[in-house]
Protein backbone atom coordinates (compact mmCIF):
# COMPACT_ATOMS: atom_id res chain seq x y z
CA UNK A 1 125.93 90.20 98.66
CA UNK A 2 123.96 87.06 99.37
CA UNK A 3 120.56 86.00 98.07
CA UNK A 4 118.39 82.95 98.80
CA UNK A 5 114.81 81.72 98.77
CA UNK A 6 113.56 83.76 95.77
CA UNK A 7 109.82 83.07 95.27
CA UNK A 8 107.19 84.60 92.99
CA UNK A 9 103.61 83.33 93.04
CA UNK A 10 100.52 84.64 91.30
CA UNK A 11 96.80 84.12 91.08
CA UNK A 12 95.36 85.19 87.76
CA UNK A 13 92.11 84.30 86.07
CA UNK A 14 92.91 80.59 86.33
CA UNK A 15 92.08 78.72 89.49
CA UNK A 16 95.64 77.48 89.93
CA UNK A 17 98.43 79.69 91.22
CA UNK A 18 101.64 80.02 89.25
CA UNK A 19 104.77 79.60 91.35
CA UNK A 20 108.30 80.60 90.39
CA UNK A 21 110.93 79.37 92.84
CA UNK A 22 114.71 79.62 93.03
CA UNK A 23 116.27 78.50 96.31
CA UNK A 24 119.64 77.53 94.73
CA UNK A 25 119.78 74.36 96.83
CA UNK A 26 119.70 71.98 93.87
CA UNK A 27 122.42 73.67 91.81
CA UNK A 28 126.10 72.87 91.52
CA UNK A 29 128.60 74.88 93.56
CA UNK A 30 130.37 77.37 91.26
CA UNK A 31 129.28 79.64 88.42
CA UNK A 32 125.50 79.98 88.11
CA UNK A 33 125.34 80.72 84.37
CA UNK A 34 123.86 77.84 82.40
CA UNK A 35 122.32 76.22 85.47
CA UNK A 36 118.60 75.69 85.93
CA UNK A 37 116.78 74.15 88.89
CA UNK A 38 113.89 75.54 90.87
CA UNK A 39 110.42 75.63 89.33
CA UNK A 40 108.36 77.87 87.07
CA UNK A 41 111.22 78.99 84.79
CA UNK A 42 111.57 78.74 81.01
CA UNK A 43 115.35 79.06 80.73
CA UNK A 44 118.63 78.88 82.62
CA UNK A 45 120.58 81.55 84.49
CA UNK A 46 122.59 84.03 82.40
CA UNK A 47 124.40 87.32 83.05
CA UNK A 48 127.48 88.18 85.05
CA UNK A 49 130.33 85.68 85.05
CA UNK A 50 130.80 86.56 88.73
CA UNK A 51 127.47 85.08 89.79
CA UNK A 52 128.04 81.93 91.80
CA UNK A 53 126.34 79.29 93.91
CA UNK A 54 128.01 78.91 97.32
CA UNK A 55 127.55 76.72 100.38
CA UNK A 56 125.22 77.73 103.21
CA UNK A 57 121.57 78.80 103.38
CA UNK A 58 120.24 82.16 104.38
CA UNK A 59 117.58 81.64 107.06
CA UNK A 60 115.18 83.84 108.98
CA UNK A 61 113.03 83.32 112.10
CA UNK A 62 110.40 85.64 110.56
CA UNK A 63 108.77 83.06 108.33
CA UNK A 64 108.31 79.32 108.36
CA UNK A 65 109.21 77.98 104.93
CA UNK A 66 111.64 75.08 105.36
CA UNK A 67 114.11 74.58 102.53
CA UNK A 68 115.11 71.15 101.33
CA UNK A 69 118.18 70.00 99.45
CA UNK A 70 121.76 71.12 100.05
CA UNK A 71 122.10 74.38 101.99
CA UNK A 72 123.29 76.90 99.37
CA UNK A 73 122.86 80.51 98.28
CA UNK A 74 123.63 82.84 95.37
CA UNK A 75 126.38 85.44 95.61
CA UNK A 76 128.72 87.45 93.40
CA UNK A 77 132.47 87.09 93.36
CA UNK A 78 132.78 90.21 91.21
CA UNK A 79 134.71 92.95 93.03
CA UNK A 80 134.08 95.90 90.70
CA UNK A 81 130.54 96.90 91.60
CA UNK A 82 126.93 95.87 91.09
CA UNK A 83 126.32 92.88 88.83
CA UNK A 84 123.26 90.73 88.08
CA UNK A 85 122.26 87.31 86.83
CA UNK A 86 118.96 86.81 85.04
CA UNK A 87 116.36 84.19 84.36
CA UNK A 88 113.08 84.09 82.41
CA UNK A 89 109.99 83.00 84.36
CA UNK A 90 106.90 81.34 83.02
CA UNK A 91 103.86 83.59 82.68
CA UNK A 92 103.01 85.42 85.91
CA UNK A 93 99.77 87.43 85.94
CA UNK A 94 97.14 88.85 88.25
CA UNK A 95 98.06 89.38 91.88
CA UNK A 96 101.74 88.56 92.29
CA UNK A 97 103.46 87.95 95.62
CA UNK A 98 107.22 87.72 95.84
CA UNK A 99 109.70 87.20 98.65
CA UNK A 100 113.40 86.65 99.13
CA UNK A 101 116.13 86.67 101.75
CA UNK A 102 119.01 89.08 101.25
CA UNK A 103 122.18 89.84 103.18
CA UNK A 104 124.70 92.66 102.76
CA UNK A 105 127.87 91.49 104.45
CA UNK A 106 129.55 94.91 104.44
CA UNK A 107 128.42 98.53 104.14
CA UNK A 108 128.82 98.69 100.36
CA UNK A 109 127.50 95.26 99.43
CA UNK A 110 124.28 94.94 97.42
CA UNK A 111 121.69 92.17 97.55
CA UNK A 112 118.20 91.94 96.08
CA UNK A 113 116.33 91.65 92.80
CA UNK A 114 115.33 93.48 89.66
CA UNK A 115 112.41 93.02 87.27
CA UNK A 116 112.83 93.48 83.51
CA UNK A 117 116.14 95.30 83.86
CA UNK A 118 118.46 95.71 80.84
CA UNK A 119 120.49 92.53 80.39
CA UNK A 120 123.45 93.92 78.45
CA UNK A 121 127.00 93.51 79.73
CA UNK A 122 128.37 94.43 82.27
CA UNK A 123 124.96 93.62 83.84
CA UNK A 124 125.06 96.61 86.20
CA UNK A 125 121.85 98.41 85.15
CA UNK A 126 118.96 97.59 87.50
CA UNK A 127 116.45 99.47 85.36
CA UNK A 128 113.34 101.06 86.86
CA UNK A 129 111.96 98.08 88.83
CA UNK A 130 114.08 96.78 91.68
CA UNK A 131 114.48 96.38 95.43
CA UNK A 132 117.94 95.70 96.83
CA UNK A 133 120.01 96.40 99.90
CA UNK A 134 123.07 98.63 99.80
CA UNK A 135 124.59 97.93 103.18
CA UNK A 136 121.75 98.56 105.65
CA UNK A 137 119.73 100.71 103.22
CA UNK A 138 116.99 99.44 100.92
CA UNK A 139 117.03 100.98 97.45
CA UNK A 140 113.74 100.60 95.60
CA UNK A 141 112.06 101.76 92.42
CA UNK A 142 108.93 100.57 90.68
CA UNK A 143 108.49 102.80 87.65
CA UNK A 144 110.14 105.95 86.35
CA UNK A 145 110.36 108.70 88.95
CA UNK A 146 109.62 106.48 91.95
CA UNK A 147 113.16 105.78 93.20
CA UNK A 148 113.57 105.91 96.97
CA UNK A 149 115.56 104.57 99.89
CA UNK A 150 114.80 103.25 103.35
CA UNK A 151 117.72 103.76 105.69
CA UNK A 152 118.43 101.26 108.48
CA UNK A 153 116.16 98.74 106.73
CA UNK A 154 118.27 95.78 107.88
CA UNK A 155 121.53 95.74 109.85
CA UNK A 156 124.65 94.93 107.86
CA UNK A 157 125.42 91.25 108.27
CA UNK A 158 121.82 90.25 108.98
CA UNK A 159 119.41 88.26 106.82
CA UNK A 160 116.55 90.46 105.62
CA UNK A 161 113.16 89.08 104.60
CA UNK A 162 111.68 91.21 101.83
CA UNK A 163 108.10 90.63 100.70
CA UNK A 164 106.22 92.35 97.89
CA UNK A 165 102.76 92.36 96.36
CA UNK A 166 102.03 93.48 92.79
CA UNK A 167 98.54 93.79 91.33
CA UNK A 168 99.44 93.62 87.66
CA UNK A 169 97.13 96.02 85.78
CA UNK A 170 94.94 96.03 88.88
CA UNK A 171 94.80 99.78 89.42
CA UNK A 172 93.06 102.71 87.74
CA UNK A 173 94.05 103.37 84.12
CA UNK A 174 96.21 100.25 84.00
CA UNK A 175 98.30 101.09 87.05
CA UNK A 176 100.17 98.29 88.82
CA UNK A 177 99.82 98.75 92.59
CA UNK A 178 102.92 97.65 94.48
CA UNK A 179 103.45 97.18 98.22
CA UNK A 180 106.79 96.27 99.77
CA UNK A 181 107.58 95.08 103.30
CA UNK A 182 110.92 94.55 105.05
CA UNK A 183 111.21 92.00 107.85
CA UNK A 184 107.53 91.40 108.64
CA UNK A 185 107.34 88.80 111.41
CA UNK A 186 105.06 86.31 109.70
CA UNK A 187 105.58 83.74 112.46
CA UNK A 188 104.26 86.06 115.18
CA UNK A 189 101.43 87.25 112.93
CA UNK A 190 100.93 85.77 109.44
CA UNK A 191 98.63 88.64 108.41
CA UNK A 192 101.07 90.78 106.46
CA UNK A 193 98.58 93.64 106.34
CA UNK A 194 99.23 94.12 110.04
CA UNK A 195 102.70 95.47 109.19
CA UNK A 196 103.58 98.93 107.92
CA UNK A 197 104.89 98.78 104.35
CA UNK A 198 108.31 100.13 103.50
CA UNK A 199 106.81 101.39 100.25
CA UNK A 200 103.41 101.49 98.59
CA UNK A 201 102.18 103.04 95.35
CA UNK A 202 98.91 102.39 93.51
CA UNK A 203 99.06 105.01 90.77
CA UNK A 204 101.99 104.11 88.48
CA UNK A 205 101.67 102.01 85.33
CA UNK A 206 105.13 100.46 85.51
CA UNK A 207 104.70 96.84 84.42
CA UNK A 208 103.12 95.03 81.47
CA UNK A 209 104.60 91.61 82.10
CA UNK A 210 107.50 90.00 83.97
CA UNK A 211 109.92 88.92 81.28
CA UNK A 212 113.11 88.58 83.34
CA UNK A 213 113.95 88.41 87.02
CA UNK A 214 117.41 89.58 87.99
CA UNK A 215 119.32 88.45 91.07
CA UNK A 216 121.59 91.10 92.57
CA UNK A 217 124.35 90.04 94.94
CA UNK A 218 127.24 92.41 94.37
CA UNK A 219 130.34 93.01 96.46
CA UNK A 220 131.51 96.45 97.59
C-alpha cells in the first residue's frame, strides 16, 4: 500500500525530454489532496480522502537514483478497498518511460498506478490502463481485453521496482506498444533490454494521450 519515486519521461519530436516526477519528499505529512510538488504537472493531487503522505522513503538496490528532500512516501489510510489519487501531467508524447517503487505490506494490499482511469468517487475504478501489486501478484492491463496477472512478482513486504516503456502511436495502425518489467537490476546491468519483460504488447491501440496519472496505494 506504499508508493514512491513515480517518474514519467518522454522524448517526442522536440529535442528536449519531458519529465514528470512525484517523489512525495517535498510535500506536507498528512492528506495529499490539494498538494503539489514534484515537476511536470499542471495541477494538484485530487481523489480519495484516504490518500496521505507519510514518513519514510521506499528504496531499492536495483537502480541508482538518489532522492533528495525529506524521506516520505504516498499511502492510503482507507480500509475499505482500492482507492486512488490523481494528478494531471503536462504533455507527454513519443516514447514514454515510466518507473515507480511499490510495496504491498500484506497479502491484500494494492500499490501501483493507473493511466486515464475514471476519477469519480469512490475512486476505485482503475480503468483499462494500470499496473499494480495485489500482495505479491502484479495486476496489469493496457487496453480492453488485455488484463493479466503475474504471480510471485514481488514478495509481500518488499519494495518492487516497476519500469515501463510506451511508444505512443508508435505501432502499426496507431497501436501503442507497451513493455513492462518488474525488478530489473539496473545497477548490475543498466541495459533494460537484457531483462525479460513481465508483459509486452505491440498491437493494441489503447492510448491517445496521458490526461491523468493515478496513484494506487490501498489497504486490504
